[in-house]
Amino acid sequence: MSQQSAEQWHMKKEVNLVHIITTIGIFVSCFWYFSDLDKRIAANEQSISYVQSLRTEDQKRVEKQLDKINAKLDRLLESR
């Protein structure tokens, strides 16, 4: 390695204020994103529970209607 190429590669031990501000900004935005993500997950859990309860109610209602239809068909067949 020549003397000139060895001088080209060096590291500075200084930290710029812009790098510190950028790093803090990244940490704050990550924290903000993940706290918002937690809120969205909780909202989705509530929505899923609500939809499941509606589905259960609808299923019970359909079963009642089918029972009524069966009863009517049975009466119709008995009358003939």
PDB file of N, CA and C in Angstrom:
ATOM      1  N   MET A   1       0.821  -1.166   0.000  1.00  0.00           N
ATOM      2  CA  MET A   1       0.000   0.000   0.000  1.00  0.00           C
ATOM      3  C   MET A   1       0.877   1.245   0.000  1.00  0.00           C
ATOM      4  N   SER A   2       0.549   2.158  -0.809  1.00  0.00           N
ATOM      5  CA  SER A   2       1.367   3.360  -0.869  1.00  0.00           C
ATOM      6  C   SER A   2       0.947   4.336   0.219  1.00  0.00           C
ATOM      7  N   GLN A   3       1.787   5.286   0.456  1.00  0.00           N
ATOM      8  CA  GLN A   3       1.542   6.299   1.492  1.00  0.00           C
ATOM      9  C   GLN A   3       0.295   7.118   1.174  1.00  0.00           C
ATOM     10  N   GLN A   4       0.044   7.403  -0.079  1.00  0.00           N
ATOM     11  CA  GLN A   4      -1.083   8.236  -0.477  1.00  0.00           C
ATOM     12  C   GLN A   4      -2.416   7.520  -0.228  1.00  0.00           C
ATOM     13  N   SER A   5      -2.536   6.220  -0.551  1.00  0.00           N
ATOM     14  CA  SER A   5      -3.795   5.509  -0.350  1.00  0.00           C
ATOM     15  C   SER A   5      -4.066   5.278   1.137  1.00  0.00           C
ATOM     16  N   ALA A   6      -3.061   5.161   1.964  1.00  0.00           N
ATOM     17  CA  ALA A   6      -3.262   4.993   3.404  1.00  0.00           C
ATOM     18  C   ALA A   6      -3.818   6.263   4.025  1.00  0.00           C
ATOM     19  N   GLU A   7      -3.470   7.400   3.511  1.00  0.00           N
ATOM     20  CA  GLU A   7      -3.960   8.665   4.040  1.00  0.00           C
ATOM     21  C   GLU A   7      -5.413   8.937   3.619  1.00  0.00           C
ATOM     22  N   GLN A   8      -5.868   8.325   2.554  1.00  0.00           N
ATOM     23  CA  GLN A   8      -7.219   8.561   2.078  1.00  0.00           C
ATOM     24  C   GLN A   8      -8.257   7.895   2.982  1.00  0.00           C
ATOM     25  N   TRP A   9      -7.905   6.818   3.628  1.00  0.00           N
ATOM     26  CA  TRP A   9      -8.843   6.094   4.473  1.00  0.00           C
ATOM     27  C   TRP A   9      -8.608   6.450   5.927  1.00  0.00           C
ATOM     28  N   HIS A  10      -9.531   7.179   6.497  1.00  0.00           N
ATOM     29  CA  HIS A  10      -9.451   7.513   7.913  1.00  0.00           C
ATOM     30  C   HIS A  10     -10.863   7.749   8.436  1.00  0.00           C
ATOM     31  N   MET A  11     -11.017   7.637   9.730  1.00  0.00           N
ATOM     32  CA  MET A  11     -12.323   7.852  10.348  1.00  0.00           C
ATOM     33  C   MET A  11     -12.244   9.061  11.262  1.00  0.00           C
ATOM     34  N   LYS A  12     -13.267   9.861  11.197  1.00  0.00           N
ATOM     35  CA  LYS A  12     -13.354  11.009  12.088  1.00  0.00           C
ATOM     36  C   LYS A  12     -14.109  10.579  13.335  1.00  0.00           C
ATOM     37  N   LYS A  13     -13.711  11.069  14.468  1.00  0.00           N
ATOM     38  CA  LYS A  13     -14.367  10.736  15.729  1.00  0.00           C
ATOM     39  C   LYS A  13     -15.295  11.843  16.185  1.00  0.00           C
ATOM     40  N   GLU A  14     -15.899  12.517  15.255  1.00  0.00           N
ATOM     41  CA  GLU A  14     -16.802  13.595  15.599  1.00  0.00           C
ATOM     42  C   GLU A  14     -18.233  13.188  15.254  1.00  0.00           C
ATOM     43  N   VAL A  15     -19.161  13.776  15.967  1.00  0.00           N
ATOM     44  CA  VAL A  15     -20.573  13.506  15.727  1.00  0.00           C
ATOM     45  C   VAL A  15     -21.238  14.841  15.403  1.00  0.00           C
ATOM     46  N   ASN A  16     -21.925  14.870  14.287  1.00  0.00           N
ATOM     47  CA  ASN A  16     -22.596  16.097  13.889  1.00  0.00           C
ATOM     48  C   ASN A  16     -23.939  16.219  14.606  1.00  0.00           C
ATOM     49  N   LEU A  17     -24.346  17.426  14.859  1.00  0.00           N
ATOM     50  CA  LEU A  17     -25.623  17.701  15.505  1.00  0.00           C
ATOM     51  C   LEU A  17     -26.779  17.181  14.655  1.00  0.00           C
ATOM     52  N   VAL A  18     -26.640  17.242  13.348  1.00  0.00           N
ATOM     53  CA  VAL A  18     -27.677  16.764  12.436  1.00  0.00           C
ATOM     54  C   VAL A  18     -27.897  15.268  12.617  1.00  0.00           C
ATOM     55  N   HIS A  19     -26.819  14.511  12.809  1.00  0.00           N
ATOM     56  CA  HIS A  19     -26.951  13.068  13.032  1.00  0.00           C
ATOM     57  C   HIS A  19     -27.690  12.777  14.334  1.00  0.00           C
ATOM     58  N   ILE A  20     -27.414  13.527  15.357  1.00  0.00           N
ATOM     59  CA  ILE A  20     -28.086  13.325  16.642  1.00  0.00           C
ATOM     60  C   ILE A  20     -29.576  13.642  16.509  1.00  0.00           C
ATOM     61  N   ILE A  21     -29.893  14.751  15.866  1.00  0.00           N
ATOM     62  CA  ILE A  21     -31.302  15.134  15.683  1.00  0.00           C
ATOM     63  C   ILE A  21     -32.031  14.096  14.825  1.00  0.00           C
ATOM     64  N   THR A  22     -31.389  13.612  13.776  1.00  0.00           N
ATOM     65  CA  THR A  22     -31.994  12.602  12.910  1.00  0.00           C
ATOM     66  C   THR A  22     -32.252  11.310  13.679  1.00  0.00           C
ATOM     67  N   THR A  23     -31.290  10.884  14.472  1.00  0.00           N
ATOM     68  CA  THR A  23     -31.438   9.654  15.254  1.00  0.00           C
ATOM     69  C   THR A  23     -32.579   9.790  16.267  1.00  0.00           C
ATOM     70  N   ILE A  24     -32.650  10.920  16.943  1.00  0.00           N
ATOM     71  CA  ILE A  24     -33.744  11.149  17.896  1.00  0.00           C
ATOM     72  C   ILE A  24     -35.082  11.161  17.160  1.00  0.00           C
ATOM     73  N   GLY A  25     -35.110  11.783  16.003  1.00  0.00           N
ATOM     74  CA  GLY A  25     -36.331  11.807  15.196  1.00  0.00           C
ATOM     75  C   GLY A  25     -36.780  10.411  14.788  1.00  0.00           C
ATOM     76  N   ILE A  26     -35.834   9.567  14.418  1.00  0.00           N
ATOM     77  CA  ILE A  26     -36.166   8.189  14.046  1.00  0.00           C
ATOM     78  C   ILE A  26     -36.730   7.441  15.244  1.00  0.00           C
ATOM     79  N   PHE A  27     -36.116   7.583  16.419  1.00  0.00           N
ATOM     80  CA  PHE A  27     -36.614   6.905  17.623  1.00  0.00           C
ATOM     81  C   PHE A  27     -38.015   7.382  17.995  1.00  0.00           C
ATOM     82  N   VAL A  28     -38.244   8.676  17.911  1.00  0.00           N
ATOM     83  CA  VAL A  28     -39.560   9.216  18.249  1.00  0.00           C
ATOM     84  C   VAL A  28     -40.614   8.718  17.263  1.00  0.00           C
ATOM     85  N   SER A  29     -40.294   8.715  15.981  1.00  0.00           N
ATOM     86  CA  SER A  29     -41.275   8.256  14.991  1.00  0.00           C
ATOM     87  C   SER A  29     -41.534   6.756  15.126  1.00  0.00           C
ATOM     88  N   CYS A  30     -40.525   5.966  15.456  1.00  0.00           N
ATOM     89  CA  CYS A  30     -40.740   4.531  15.696  1.00  0.00           C
ATOM     90  C   CYS A  30     -41.643   4.320  16.910  1.00  0.00           C
ATOM     91  N   PHE A  31     -41.386   5.051  17.977  1.00  0.00           N
ATOM     92  CA  PHE A  31     -42.212   4.932  19.172  1.00  0.00           C
ATOM     93  C   PHE A  31     -43.655   5.317  18.871  1.00  0.00           C
ATOM     94  N   TRP A  32     -43.826   6.400  18.137  1.00  0.00           N
ATOM     95  CA  TRP A  32     -45.154   6.884  17.770  1.00  0.00           C
ATOM     96  C   TRP A  32     -45.881   5.856  16.912  1.00  0.00           C
ATOM     97  N   TYR A  33     -45.178   5.280  15.939  1.00  0.00           N
ATOM     98  CA  TYR A  33     -45.774   4.285  15.047  1.00  0.00           C
ATOM     99  C   TYR A  33     -46.227   3.057  15.840  1.00  0.00           C
ATOM    100  N   PHE A  34     -45.365   2.533  16.720  1.00  0.00           N
ATOM    101  CA  PHE A  34     -45.715   1.322  17.447  1.00  0.00           C
ATOM    102  C   PHE A  34     -46.795   1.564  18.495  1.00  0.00           C
ATOM    103  N   SER A  35     -46.872   2.740  19.084  1.00  0.00           N
ATOM    104  CA  SER A  35     -47.955   3.022  20.015  1.00  0.00           C
ATOM    105  C   SER A  35     -49.274   3.146  19.263  1.00  0.00           C
ATOM    106  N   ASP A  36     -49.239   3.714  18.077  1.00  0.00           N
ATOM    107  CA  ASP A  36     -50.436   3.800  17.246  1.00  0.00           C
ATOM    108  C   ASP A  36     -50.841   2.420  16.744  1.00  0.00           C
ATOM    109  N   LEU A  37     -49.869   1.574  16.472  1.00  0.00           N
ATOM    110  CA  LEU A  37     -50.136   0.215  16.027  1.00  0.00           C
ATOM    111  C   LEU A  37     -50.886  -0.562  17.099  1.00  0.00           C
ATOM    112  N   ASP A  38     -50.512  -0.365  18.337  1.00  0.00           N
ATOM    113  CA  ASP A  38     -51.185  -1.034  19.455  1.00  0.00           C
ATOM    114  C   ASP A  38     -52.650  -0.603  19.538  1.00  0.00           C
ATOM    115  N   LYS A  39     -52.916   0.680  19.332  1.00  0.00           N
ATOM    116  CA  LYS A  39     -54.297   1.175  19.351  1.00  0.00           C
ATOM    117  C   LYS A  39     -55.110   0.571  18.214  1.00  0.00           C
ATOM    118  N   ARG A  40     -54.501   0.463  17.036  1.00  0.00           N
ATOM    119  CA  ARG A  40     -55.218  -0.110  15.896  1.00  0.00           C
ATOM    120  C   ARG A  40     -55.506  -1.592  16.110  1.00  0.00           C
ATOM    121  N   ILE A  41     -54.585  -2.314  16.727  1.00  0.00           N
ATOM    122  CA  ILE A  41     -54.805  -3.732  17.019  1.00  0.00           C
ATOM    123  C   ILE A  41     -55.960  -3.883  17.996  1.00  0.00           C
ATOM    124  N   ALA A  42     -56.008  -3.053  19.019  1.00  0.00           N
ATOM    125  CA  ALA A  42     -57.103  -3.111  19.995  1.00  0.00           C
ATOM    126  C   ALA A  42     -58.443  -2.802  19.326  1.00  0.00           C
ATOM    127  N   ALA A  43     -58.461  -1.828  18.442  1.00  0.00           N
ATOM    128  CA  ALA A  43     -59.704  -1.492  17.735  1.00  0.00           C
ATOM    129  C   ALA A  43     -60.147  -2.655  16.849  1.00  0.00           C
ATOM    130  N   ASN A  44     -59.200  -3.316  16.204  1.00  0.00           N
ATOM    131  CA  ASN A  44     -59.544  -4.468  15.366  1.00  0.00           C
ATOM    132  C   ASN A  44     -60.067  -5.628  16.200  1.00  0.00           C
ATOM    133  N   GLU A  45     -59.521  -5.829  17.377  1.00  0.00           N
ATOM    134  CA  GLU A  45     -60.006  -6.890  18.260  1.00  0.00           C
ATOM    135  C   GLU A  45     -61.462  -6.639  18.647  1.00  0.00           C
ATOM    136  N   GLN A  46     -61.783  -5.392  18.969  1.00  0.00           N
ATOM    137  CA  GLN A  46     -63.157  -5.051  19.321  1.00  0.00           C
ATOM    138  C   GLN A  46     -64.082  -5.250  18.128  1.00  0.00           C
ATOM    139  N   SER A  47     -63.626  -4.864  16.960  1.00  0.00           N
ATOM    140  CA  SER A  47     -64.432  -5.016  15.753  1.00  0.00           C
ATOM    141  C   SER A  47     -64.685  -6.490  15.452  1.00  0.00           C
ATOM    142  N   ILE A  48     -63.677  -7.310  15.601  1.00  0.00           N
ATOM    143  CA  ILE A  48     -63.826  -8.744  15.357  1.00  0.00           C
ATOM    144  C   ILE A  48     -64.803  -9.351  16.354  1.00  0.00           C
ATOM    145  N   SER A  49     -64.709  -8.967  17.608  1.00  0.00           N
ATOM    146  CA  SER A  49     -65.646  -9.486  18.614  1.00  0.00           C
ATOM    147  C   SER A  49     -67.078  -9.091  18.279  1.00  0.00           C
ATOM    148  N   TYR A  50     -67.267  -7.863  17.850  1.00  0.00           N
ATOM    149  CA  TYR A  50     -68.602  -7.389  17.489  1.00  0.00           C
ATOM    150  C   TYR A  50     -69.157  -8.174  16.297  1.00  0.00           C
ATOM    151  N   VAL A  51     -68.332  -8.380  15.282  1.00  0.00           N
ATOM    152  CA  VAL A  51     -68.772  -9.112  14.093  1.00  0.00           C
ATOM    153  C   VAL A  51     -69.083 -10.563  14.457  1.00  0.00           C
ATOM    154  N   GLN A  52     -68.294 -11.154  15.346  1.00  0.00           N
ATOM    155  CA  GLN A  52     -68.565 -12.533  15.762  1.00  0.00           C
ATOM    156  C   GLN A  52     -69.892 -12.633  16.503  1.00  0.00           C
ATOM    157  N   SER A  53     -70.194 -11.660  17.354  1.00  0.00           N
ATOM    158  CA  SER A  53     -71.471 -11.695  18.070  1.00  0.00           C
ATOM    159  C   SER A  53     -72.639 -11.508  17.099  1.00  0.00           C
ATOM    160  N   LEU A  54     -72.481 -10.636  16.106  1.00  0.00           N
ATOM    161  CA  LEU A  54     -73.524 -10.471  15.091  1.00  0.00           C
ATOM    162  C   LEU A  54     -73.729 -11.755  14.298  1.00  0.00           C
ATOM    163  N   ARG A  55     -72.644 -12.407  13.984  1.00  0.00           N
ATOM    164  CA  ARG A  55     -72.733 -13.661  13.226  1.00  0.00           C
ATOM    165  C   ARG A  55     -73.456 -14.729  14.036  1.00  0.00           C
ATOM    166  N   THR A  56     -73.189 -14.805  15.317  1.00  0.00           N
ATOM    167  CA  THR A  56     -73.860 -15.774  16.180  1.00  0.00           C
ATOM    168  C   THR A  56     -75.356 -15.490  16.239  1.00  0.00           C
ATOM    169  N   GLU A  57     -75.713 -14.230  16.387  1.00  0.00           N
ATOM    170  CA  GLU A  57     -77.132 -13.851  16.415  1.00  0.00           C
ATOM    171  C   GLU A  57     -77.813 -14.185  15.094  1.00  0.00           C
ATOM    172  N   ASP A  58     -77.132 -13.888  13.988  1.00  0.00           N
ATOM    173  CA  ASP A  58     -77.710 -14.191  12.671  1.00  0.00           C
ATOM    174  C   ASP A  58     -77.895 -15.695  12.489  1.00  0.00           C
ATOM    175  N   GLN A  59     -76.926 -16.460  12.956  1.00  0.00           N
ATOM    176  CA  GLN A  59     -77.018 -17.907  12.829  1.00  0.00           C
ATOM    177  C   GLN A  59     -78.200 -18.455  13.636  1.00  0.00           C
ATOM    178  N   LYS A  60     -78.409 -17.933  14.831  1.00  0.00           N
ATOM    179  CA  LYS A  60     -79.550 -18.361  15.645  1.00  0.00           C
ATOM    180  C   LYS A  60     -80.870 -17.994  14.966  1.00  0.00           C
ATOM    181  N   ARG A  61     -80.916 -16.794  14.385  1.00  0.00           N
ATOM    182  CA  ARG A  61     -82.126 -16.340  13.701  1.00  0.00           C
ATOM    183  C   ARG A  61     -82.424 -17.221  12.491  1.00  0.00           C
ATOM    184  N   VAL A  62     -81.399 -17.583  11.738  1.00  0.00           N
ATOM    185  CA  VAL A  62     -81.593 -18.442  10.572  1.00  0.00           C
ATOM    186  C   VAL A  62     -82.068 -19.826  11.012  1.00  0.00           C
ATOM    187  N   GLU A  63     -81.493 -20.336  12.086  1.00  0.00           N
ATOM    188  CA  GLU A  63     -81.924 -21.642  12.587  1.00  0.00           C
ATOM    189  C   GLU A  63     -83.396 -21.616  12.998  1.00  0.00           C
ATOM    190  N   LYS A  64     -83.829 -20.541  13.652  1.00  0.00           N
ATOM    191  CA  LYS A  64     -85.247 -20.414  14.029  1.00  0.00           C
ATOM    192  C   LYS A  64     -86.132 -20.388  12.786  1.00  0.00           C
ATOM    193  N   GLN A  65     -85.717 -19.635  11.781  1.00  0.00           N
ATOM    194  CA  GLN A  65     -86.497 -19.558  10.550  1.00  0.00           C
ATOM    195  C   GLN A  65     -86.576 -20.925   9.869  1.00  0.00           C
ATOM    196  N   LEU A  66     -85.463 -21.651   9.863  1.00  0.00           N
ATOM    197  CA  LEU A  66     -85.465 -22.987   9.264  1.00  0.00           C
ATOM    198  C   LEU A  66     -86.372 -23.938  10.045  1.00  0.00           C
ATOM    199  N   ASP A  67     -86.369 -23.812  11.359  1.00  0.00           N
ATOM    200  CA  ASP A  67     -87.270 -24.640  12.171  1.00  0.00           C
ATOM    201  C   ASP A  67     -88.729 -24.336  11.849  1.00  0.00           C
ATOM    202  N   LYS A  68     -89.032 -23.049  11.671  1.00  0.00           N
ATOM    203  CA  LYS A  68     -90.407 -22.672  11.303  1.00  0.00           C
ATOM    204  C   LYS A  68     -90.779 -23.229   9.937  1.00  0.00           C
ATOM    205  N   ILE A  69     -89.856 -23.153   9.003  1.00  0.00           N
ATOM    206  CA  ILE A  69     -90.114 -23.671   7.657  1.00  0.00           C
ATOM    207  C   ILE A  69     -90.337 -25.181   7.718  1.00  0.00           C
ATOM    208  N   ASN A  70     -89.522 -25.879   8.488  1.00  0.00           N
ATOM    209  CA  ASN A  70     -89.684 -27.331   8.640  1.00  0.00           C
ATOM    210  C   ASN A  70     -91.042 -27.670   9.247  1.00  0.00           C
ATOM    211  N   ALA A  71     -91.428 -26.919  10.247  1.00  0.00           N
ATOM    212  CA  ALA A  71     -92.721 -27.172  10.891  1.00  0.00           C
ATOM    213  C   ALA A  71     -93.869 -26.951   9.896  1.00  0.00           C
ATOM    214  N   LYS A  72     -93.764 -25.884   9.107  1.00  0.00           N
ATOM    215  CA  LYS A  72     -94.808 -25.614   8.109  1.00  0.00           C
ATOM    216  C   LYS A  72     -94.856 -26.711   7.050  1.00  0.00           C
ATOM    217  N   LEU A  73     -93.682 -27.177   6.630  1.00  0.00           N
ATOM    218  CA  LEU A  73     -93.638 -28.259   5.642  1.00  0.00           C
ATOM    219  C   LEU A  73     -94.228 -29.546   6.216  1.00  0.00           C
ATOM    220  N   ASP A  74     -93.909 -29.816   7.483  1.00  0.00           N
ATOM    221  CA  ASP A  74     -94.480 -31.004   8.127  1.00  0.00           C
ATOM    222  C   ASP A  74     -96.001 -30.916   8.181  1.00  0.00           C
ATOM    223  N   ARG A  75     -96.550 -29.753   8.548  1.00  0.00           N
ATOM    224  CA  ARG A  75     -98.005 -29.568   8.591  1.00  0.00           C
ATOM    225  C   ARG A  75     -98.615 -29.695   7.208  1.00  0.00           C
ATOM    226  N   LEU A  76     -97.905 -29.177   6.211  1.00  0.00           N
ATOM    227  CA  LEU A  76     -98.396 -29.252   4.841  1.00  0.00           C
ATOM    228  C   LEU A  76     -98.459 -30.710   4.376  1.00  0.00           C
ATOM    229  N   LEU A  77     -97.430 -31.467   4.700  1.00  0.00           N
ATOM    230  CA  LEU A  77     -97.398 -32.872   4.305  1.00  0.00           C
ATOM    231  C   LEU A  77     -98.444 -33.689   5.045  1.00  0.00           C
ATOM    232  N   GLU A  78     -98.681 -33.359   6.299  1.00  0.00           N
ATOM    233  CA  GLU A  78     -99.677 -34.079   7.090  1.00  0.00           C
ATOM    234  C   GLU A  78    -101.092 -33.790   6.586  1.00  0.00           C
ATOM    235  N   SER A  79    -101.312 -32.585   6.103  1.00  0.00           N
ATOM    236  CA  SER A  79    -102.655 -32.238   5.641  1.00  0.00           C
ATOM    237  C   SER A  79    -102.990 -32.892   4.303  1.00  0.00           C
ATOM    238  N   ARG A  80    -102.031 -33.306   3.588  1.00  0.00           N
ATOM    239  CA  ARG A  80    -102.302 -33.945   2.271  1.00  0.00           C
ATOM    240  C   ARG A  80    -102.487 -35.375   2.437  1.00  0.00           C
TER     241      ARG A  80
END
